Amino acid sequence: MLAGKIDYKKLEIYELAHQFVLHIYKLCSSFPADESNNITSQLRRASTSLPLNIAEGSGSGSFKVFLNYLTFCYRSSLEVQSILRICKDLNYVNELQHQETSELLDKFIRKLYCYMKYLEEKIGERELKRSSYYREQTYEMRNDISGP
């Protein structure tokens, strides 16, 4: 099924991902210099992949292919969650920074989840993938997704 032309710049998930990347770059600016090729780089790359996968997938012309890119995006968001926890445990971010960043990421993930469900409905019957199962187990959606 062809998706037609999807303008990623008009998607709320893209804007949330873009703003999240800007937030991460600002957050990383205070990390120790000796982490520049490790946690700092990994966190920046993982967060940057969020809007990039949305943009790249939107140009596929296929809802199925776009959904695959959004699955990569979802997986990268889990990577970001894990790195943020490590950063907190290493005291690279304080509790308030961690909470604020986690809330931004959670809002993005919840919106991404809804958009992925929307695409799955547009595709129609399709085999559920493991990533769909994990998303459903991890993020049971509330009626109000506006979140924090």
C-alpha atoms as a PDB file:
ATOM      1  CA  MET A   1       0.000   0.000   0.000  1.00  0.00           C
ATOM      2  CA  LEU A   2       1.425   3.350  -0.967  1.00  0.00           C
ATOM      3  CA  ALA A   3       1.569   6.030   1.663  1.00  0.00           C
ATOM      4  CA  GLY A   4       1.618   8.831  -0.841  1.00  0.00           C
ATOM      5  CA  LYS A   5       3.562  11.889   0.109  1.00  0.00           C
ATOM      6  CA  ILE A   6       4.011  12.238   3.845  1.00  0.00           C
ATOM      7  CA  ASP A   7       5.536  15.547   4.851  1.00  0.00           C
ATOM      8  CA  TYR A   8       7.551  14.565   7.914  1.00  0.00           C
ATOM      9  CA  LYS A   9       7.948  18.230   8.886  1.00  0.00           C
ATOM     10  CA  LYS A  10       4.203  18.381   9.550  1.00  0.00           C
ATOM     11  CA  LEU A  11       4.204  15.334  11.835  1.00  0.00           C
ATOM     12  CA  GLU A  12       3.990  16.056  15.555  1.00  0.00           C
ATOM     13  CA  ILE A  13       6.303  13.121  16.278  1.00  0.00           C
ATOM     14  CA  TYR A  14       8.969  14.677  14.077  1.00  0.00           C
ATOM     15  CA  GLU A  15       8.771  18.029  15.871  1.00  0.00           C
ATOM     16  CA  LEU A  16       8.903  16.331  19.282  1.00  0.00           C
ATOM     17  CA  ALA A  17      11.922  14.280  18.188  1.00  0.00           C
ATOM     18  CA  HIS A  18      13.659  17.363  16.787  1.00  0.00           C
ATOM     19  CA  GLN A  19      13.117  19.324  20.006  1.00  0.00           C
ATOM     20  CA  PHE A  20      14.324  16.328  22.018  1.00  0.00           C
ATOM     21  CA  VAL A  21      17.597  16.245  20.075  1.00  0.00           C
ATOM     22  CA  LEU A  22      18.167  19.939  20.809  1.00  0.00           C
ATOM     23  CA  HIS A  23      17.510  19.243  24.485  1.00  0.00           C
ATOM     24  CA  ILE A  24      19.991  16.328  24.485  1.00  0.00           C
ATOM     25  CA  TYR A  25      22.743  18.385  22.855  1.00  0.00           C
ATOM     26  CA  LYS A  26      22.324  21.063  25.514  1.00  0.00           C
ATOM     27  CA  LEU A  27      22.295  18.420  28.247  1.00  0.00           C
ATOM     28  CA  CYS A  28      25.467  16.752  26.931  1.00  0.00           C
ATOM     29  CA  SER A  29      27.396  20.016  26.904  1.00  0.00           C
ATOM     30  CA  SER A  30      28.127  19.584  30.613  1.00  0.00           C
ATOM     31  CA  PHE A  31      29.296  15.959  30.409  1.00  0.00           C
ATOM     32  CA  PRO A  32      32.954  15.200  31.209  1.00  0.00           C
ATOM     33  CA  ALA A  33      35.327  15.699  28.276  1.00  0.00           C
ATOM     34  CA  ASP A  34      36.650  12.151  28.605  1.00  0.00           C
ATOM     35  CA  GLU A  35      33.145  10.868  27.728  1.00  0.00           C
ATOM     36  CA  SER A  36      33.033  12.669  24.375  1.00  0.00           C
ATOM     37  CA  ASN A  37      33.782   9.469  22.433  1.00  0.00           C
ATOM     38  CA  ASN A  38      31.622   7.257  24.601  1.00  0.00           C
ATOM     39  CA  ILE A  39      28.394   8.159  26.424  1.00  0.00           C
ATOM     40  CA  THR A  40      28.135  11.668  24.968  1.00  0.00           C
ATOM     41  CA  SER A  41      28.569  10.420  21.425  1.00  0.00           C
ATOM     42  CA  GLN A  42      26.247   7.447  21.922  1.00  0.00           C
ATOM     43  CA  LEU A  43      23.498   9.567  23.484  1.00  0.00           C
ATOM     44  CA  ARG A  44      23.728  12.150  20.730  1.00  0.00           C
ATOM     45  CA  ARG A  45      23.700   9.533  17.975  1.00  0.00           C
ATOM     46  CA  ALA A  46      20.790   7.586  19.485  1.00  0.00           C
ATOM     47  CA  SER A  47      18.688  10.708  20.002  1.00  0.00           C
ATOM     48  CA  THR A  48      19.570  12.110  16.575  1.00  0.00           C
ATOM     49  CA  SER A  49      18.359   8.898  14.980  1.00  0.00           C
ATOM     50  CA  LEU A  50      14.812   9.637  16.208  1.00  0.00           C
ATOM     51  CA  PRO A  51      13.966  12.488  13.802  1.00  0.00           C
ATOM     52  CA  LEU A  52      16.238  11.073  11.103  1.00  0.00           C
ATOM     53  CA  ASN A  53      14.356   7.761  10.988  1.00  0.00           C
ATOM     54  CA  ILE A  54      11.043   9.620  10.830  1.00  0.00           C
ATOM     55  CA  ALA A  55      12.275  11.770   7.960  1.00  0.00           C
ATOM     56  CA  GLU A  56      13.854   8.909   6.035  1.00  0.00           C
ATOM     57  CA  GLY A  57      10.925   6.545   6.505  1.00  0.00           C
ATOM     58  CA  SER A  58       8.384   9.151   5.450  1.00  0.00           C
ATOM     59  CA  GLY A  59       9.947   9.263   2.000  1.00  0.00           C
ATOM     60  CA  SER A  60       9.497   5.551   1.344  1.00  0.00           C
ATOM     61  CA  GLY A  61       6.070   5.810  -0.273  1.00  0.00           C
ATOM     62  CA  SER A  62       4.925   2.778   1.728  1.00  0.00           C
ATOM     63  CA  PHE A  63       3.143   2.635   5.068  1.00  0.00           C
ATOM     64  CA  LYS A  64       4.833  -0.713   5.806  1.00  0.00           C
ATOM     65  CA  VAL A  65       8.314   0.628   5.138  1.00  0.00           C
ATOM     66  CA  PHE A  66       7.571   3.804   7.088  1.00  0.00           C
ATOM     67  CA  LEU A  67       6.370   1.688  10.002  1.00  0.00           C
ATOM     68  CA  ASN A  68       9.663  -0.222   9.921  1.00  0.00           C
ATOM     69  CA  TYR A  69      11.562   3.053  10.223  1.00  0.00           C
ATOM     70  CA  LEU A  70       9.330   4.064  13.123  1.00  0.00           C
ATOM     71  CA  THR A  71      10.154   0.725  14.751  1.00  0.00           C
ATOM     72  CA  PHE A  72      13.858   1.621  14.478  1.00  0.00           C
ATOM     73  CA  CYS A  73      12.975   4.979  15.994  1.00  0.00           C
ATOM     74  CA  TYR A  74      11.189   3.284  18.893  1.00  0.00           C
ATOM     75  CA  ARG A  75      14.157   1.008  19.539  1.00  0.00           C
ATOM     76  CA  SER A  76      16.512   3.981  19.541  1.00  0.00           C
ATOM     77  CA  SER A  77      14.289   5.674  22.114  1.00  0.00           C
ATOM     78  CA  LEU A  78      14.786   2.652  24.386  1.00  0.00           C
ATOM     79  CA  GLU A  79      18.530   3.005  23.873  1.00  0.00           C
ATOM     80  CA  VAL A  80      18.269   6.663  24.896  1.00  0.00           C
ATOM     81  CA  GLN A  81      16.342   5.658  28.032  1.00  0.00           C
ATOM     82  CA  SER A  82      19.079   3.256  28.995  1.00  0.00           C
ATOM     83  CA  ILE A  83      21.858   5.776  28.400  1.00  0.00           C
ATOM     84  CA  LEU A  84      19.998   8.399  30.443  1.00  0.00           C
ATOM     85  CA  ARG A  85      19.836   6.000  33.368  1.00  0.00           C
ATOM     86  CA  ILE A  86      23.575   5.404  33.112  1.00  0.00           C
ATOM     87  CA  CYS A  87      24.154   9.167  32.996  1.00  0.00           C
ATOM     88  CA  LYS A  88      22.087   9.614  36.137  1.00  0.00           C
ATOM     89  CA  ASP A  89      23.913   6.810  37.937  1.00  0.00           C
ATOM     90  CA  LEU A  90      27.265   8.349  36.962  1.00  0.00           C
ATOM     91  CA  ASN A  91      26.043  11.758  38.207  1.00  0.00           C
ATOM     92  CA  TYR A  92      26.416  13.351  34.770  1.00  0.00           C
ATOM     93  CA  VAL A  93      22.842  14.579  35.167  1.00  0.00           C
ATOM     94  CA  ASN A  94      21.045  15.420  38.365  1.00  0.00           C
ATOM     95  CA  GLU A  95      17.640  14.062  39.369  1.00  0.00           C
ATOM     96  CA  LEU A  96      15.752  17.060  37.985  1.00  0.00           C
ATOM     97  CA  GLN A  97      17.555  16.901  34.616  1.00  0.00           C
ATOM     98  CA  HIS A  98      16.929  13.172  34.416  1.00  0.00           C
ATOM     99  CA  GLN A  99      13.246  13.556  35.234  1.00  0.00           C
ATOM    100  CA  GLU A 100      12.741  16.410  32.765  1.00  0.00           C
ATOM    101  CA  THR A 101      14.532  14.558  29.967  1.00  0.00           C
ATOM    102  CA  SER A 102      12.724  11.296  30.721  1.00  0.00           C
ATOM    103  CA  GLU A 103       9.363  13.093  30.603  1.00  0.00           C
ATOM    104  CA  LEU A 104      10.186  14.595  27.207  1.00  0.00           C
ATOM    105  CA  LEU A 105      11.232  11.194  25.909  1.00  0.00           C
ATOM    106  CA  ASP A 106       8.170   9.499  27.378  1.00  0.00           C
ATOM    107  CA  LYS A 107       5.862  12.000  25.698  1.00  0.00           C
ATOM    108  CA  PHE A 108       7.605  11.359  22.388  1.00  0.00           C
ATOM    109  CA  ILE A 109       7.374   7.579  22.799  1.00  0.00           C
ATOM    110  CA  ARG A 110       3.659   7.727  23.625  1.00  0.00           C
ATOM    111  CA  LYS A 111       2.937   9.877  20.556  1.00  0.00           C
ATOM    112  CA  LEU A 112       5.121   7.626  18.411  1.00  0.00           C
ATOM    113  CA  TYR A 113       3.237   4.597  19.706  1.00  0.00           C
ATOM    114  CA  CYS A 114      -0.093   6.163  18.701  1.00  0.00           C
ATOM    115  CA  TYR A 115       1.176   7.050  15.249  1.00  0.00           C
ATOM    116  CA  MET A 116       2.514   3.533  14.757  1.00  0.00           C
ATOM    117  CA  LYS A 117      -0.878   2.097  15.740  1.00  0.00           C
ATOM    118  CA  TYR A 118      -2.505   4.474  13.238  1.00  0.00           C
ATOM    119  CA  LEU A 119      -0.220   3.223  10.463  1.00  0.00           C
ATOM    120  CA  GLU A 120      -0.830  -0.400  11.446  1.00  0.00           C
ATOM    121  CA  GLU A 121      -4.567   0.218  11.048  1.00  0.00           C
ATOM    122  CA  LYS A 122      -4.015   1.819   7.635  1.00  0.00           C
ATOM    123  CA  ILE A 123      -1.980  -1.181   6.526  1.00  0.00           C
ATOM    124  CA  GLY A 124      -4.707  -3.555   7.612  1.00  0.00           C
ATOM    125  CA  GLU A 125      -4.002  -7.126   8.558  1.00  0.00           C
ATOM    126  CA  ARG A 126      -0.365  -7.777   9.080  1.00  0.00           C
ATOM    127  CA  GLU A 127       1.675 -10.126  11.151  1.00  0.00           C
ATOM    128  CA  LEU A 128       2.457  -8.656  14.548  1.00  0.00           C
ATOM    129  CA  LYS A 129       6.157  -8.273  15.031  1.00  0.00           C
ATOM    130  CA  ARG A 130       8.012  -8.617  18.298  1.00  0.00           C
ATOM    131  CA  SER A 131       8.534  -4.881  18.442  1.00  0.00           C
ATOM    132  CA  SER A 132       4.765  -4.354  18.403  1.00  0.00           C
ATOM    133  CA  TYR A 133       4.404  -6.814  21.263  1.00  0.00           C
ATOM    134  CA  TYR A 134       7.126  -5.093  23.280  1.00  0.00           C
ATOM    135  CA  ARG A 135       5.646  -1.655  22.634  1.00  0.00           C
ATOM    136  CA  GLU A 136       2.272  -2.844  23.867  1.00  0.00           C
ATOM    137  CA  GLN A 137       3.800  -4.376  26.978  1.00  0.00           C
ATOM    138  CA  THR A 138       5.945  -1.343  27.722  1.00  0.00           C
ATOM    139  CA  TYR A 139       3.512   1.450  26.953  1.00  0.00           C
ATOM    140  CA  GLU A 140      -0.097   0.751  27.692  1.00  0.00           C
ATOM    141  CA  MET A 141      -1.783   3.831  26.449  1.00  0.00           C
ATOM    142  CA  ARG A 142      -4.036   5.981  28.564  1.00  0.00           C
ATOM    143  CA  ASN A 143      -6.940   7.841  27.035  1.00  0.00           C
ATOM    144  CA  ASP A 144      -5.162  11.102  27.720  1.00  0.00           C
ATOM    145  CA  ILE A 145      -1.837  10.983  25.923  1.00  0.00           C
ATOM    146  CA  SER A 146      -0.964  14.610  26.411  1.00  0.00           C
ATOM    147  CA  GLY A 147       1.184  13.499  29.330  1.00  0.00           C
ATOM    148  CA  PRO A 148       3.421  15.573  31.508  1.00  0.00           C
END
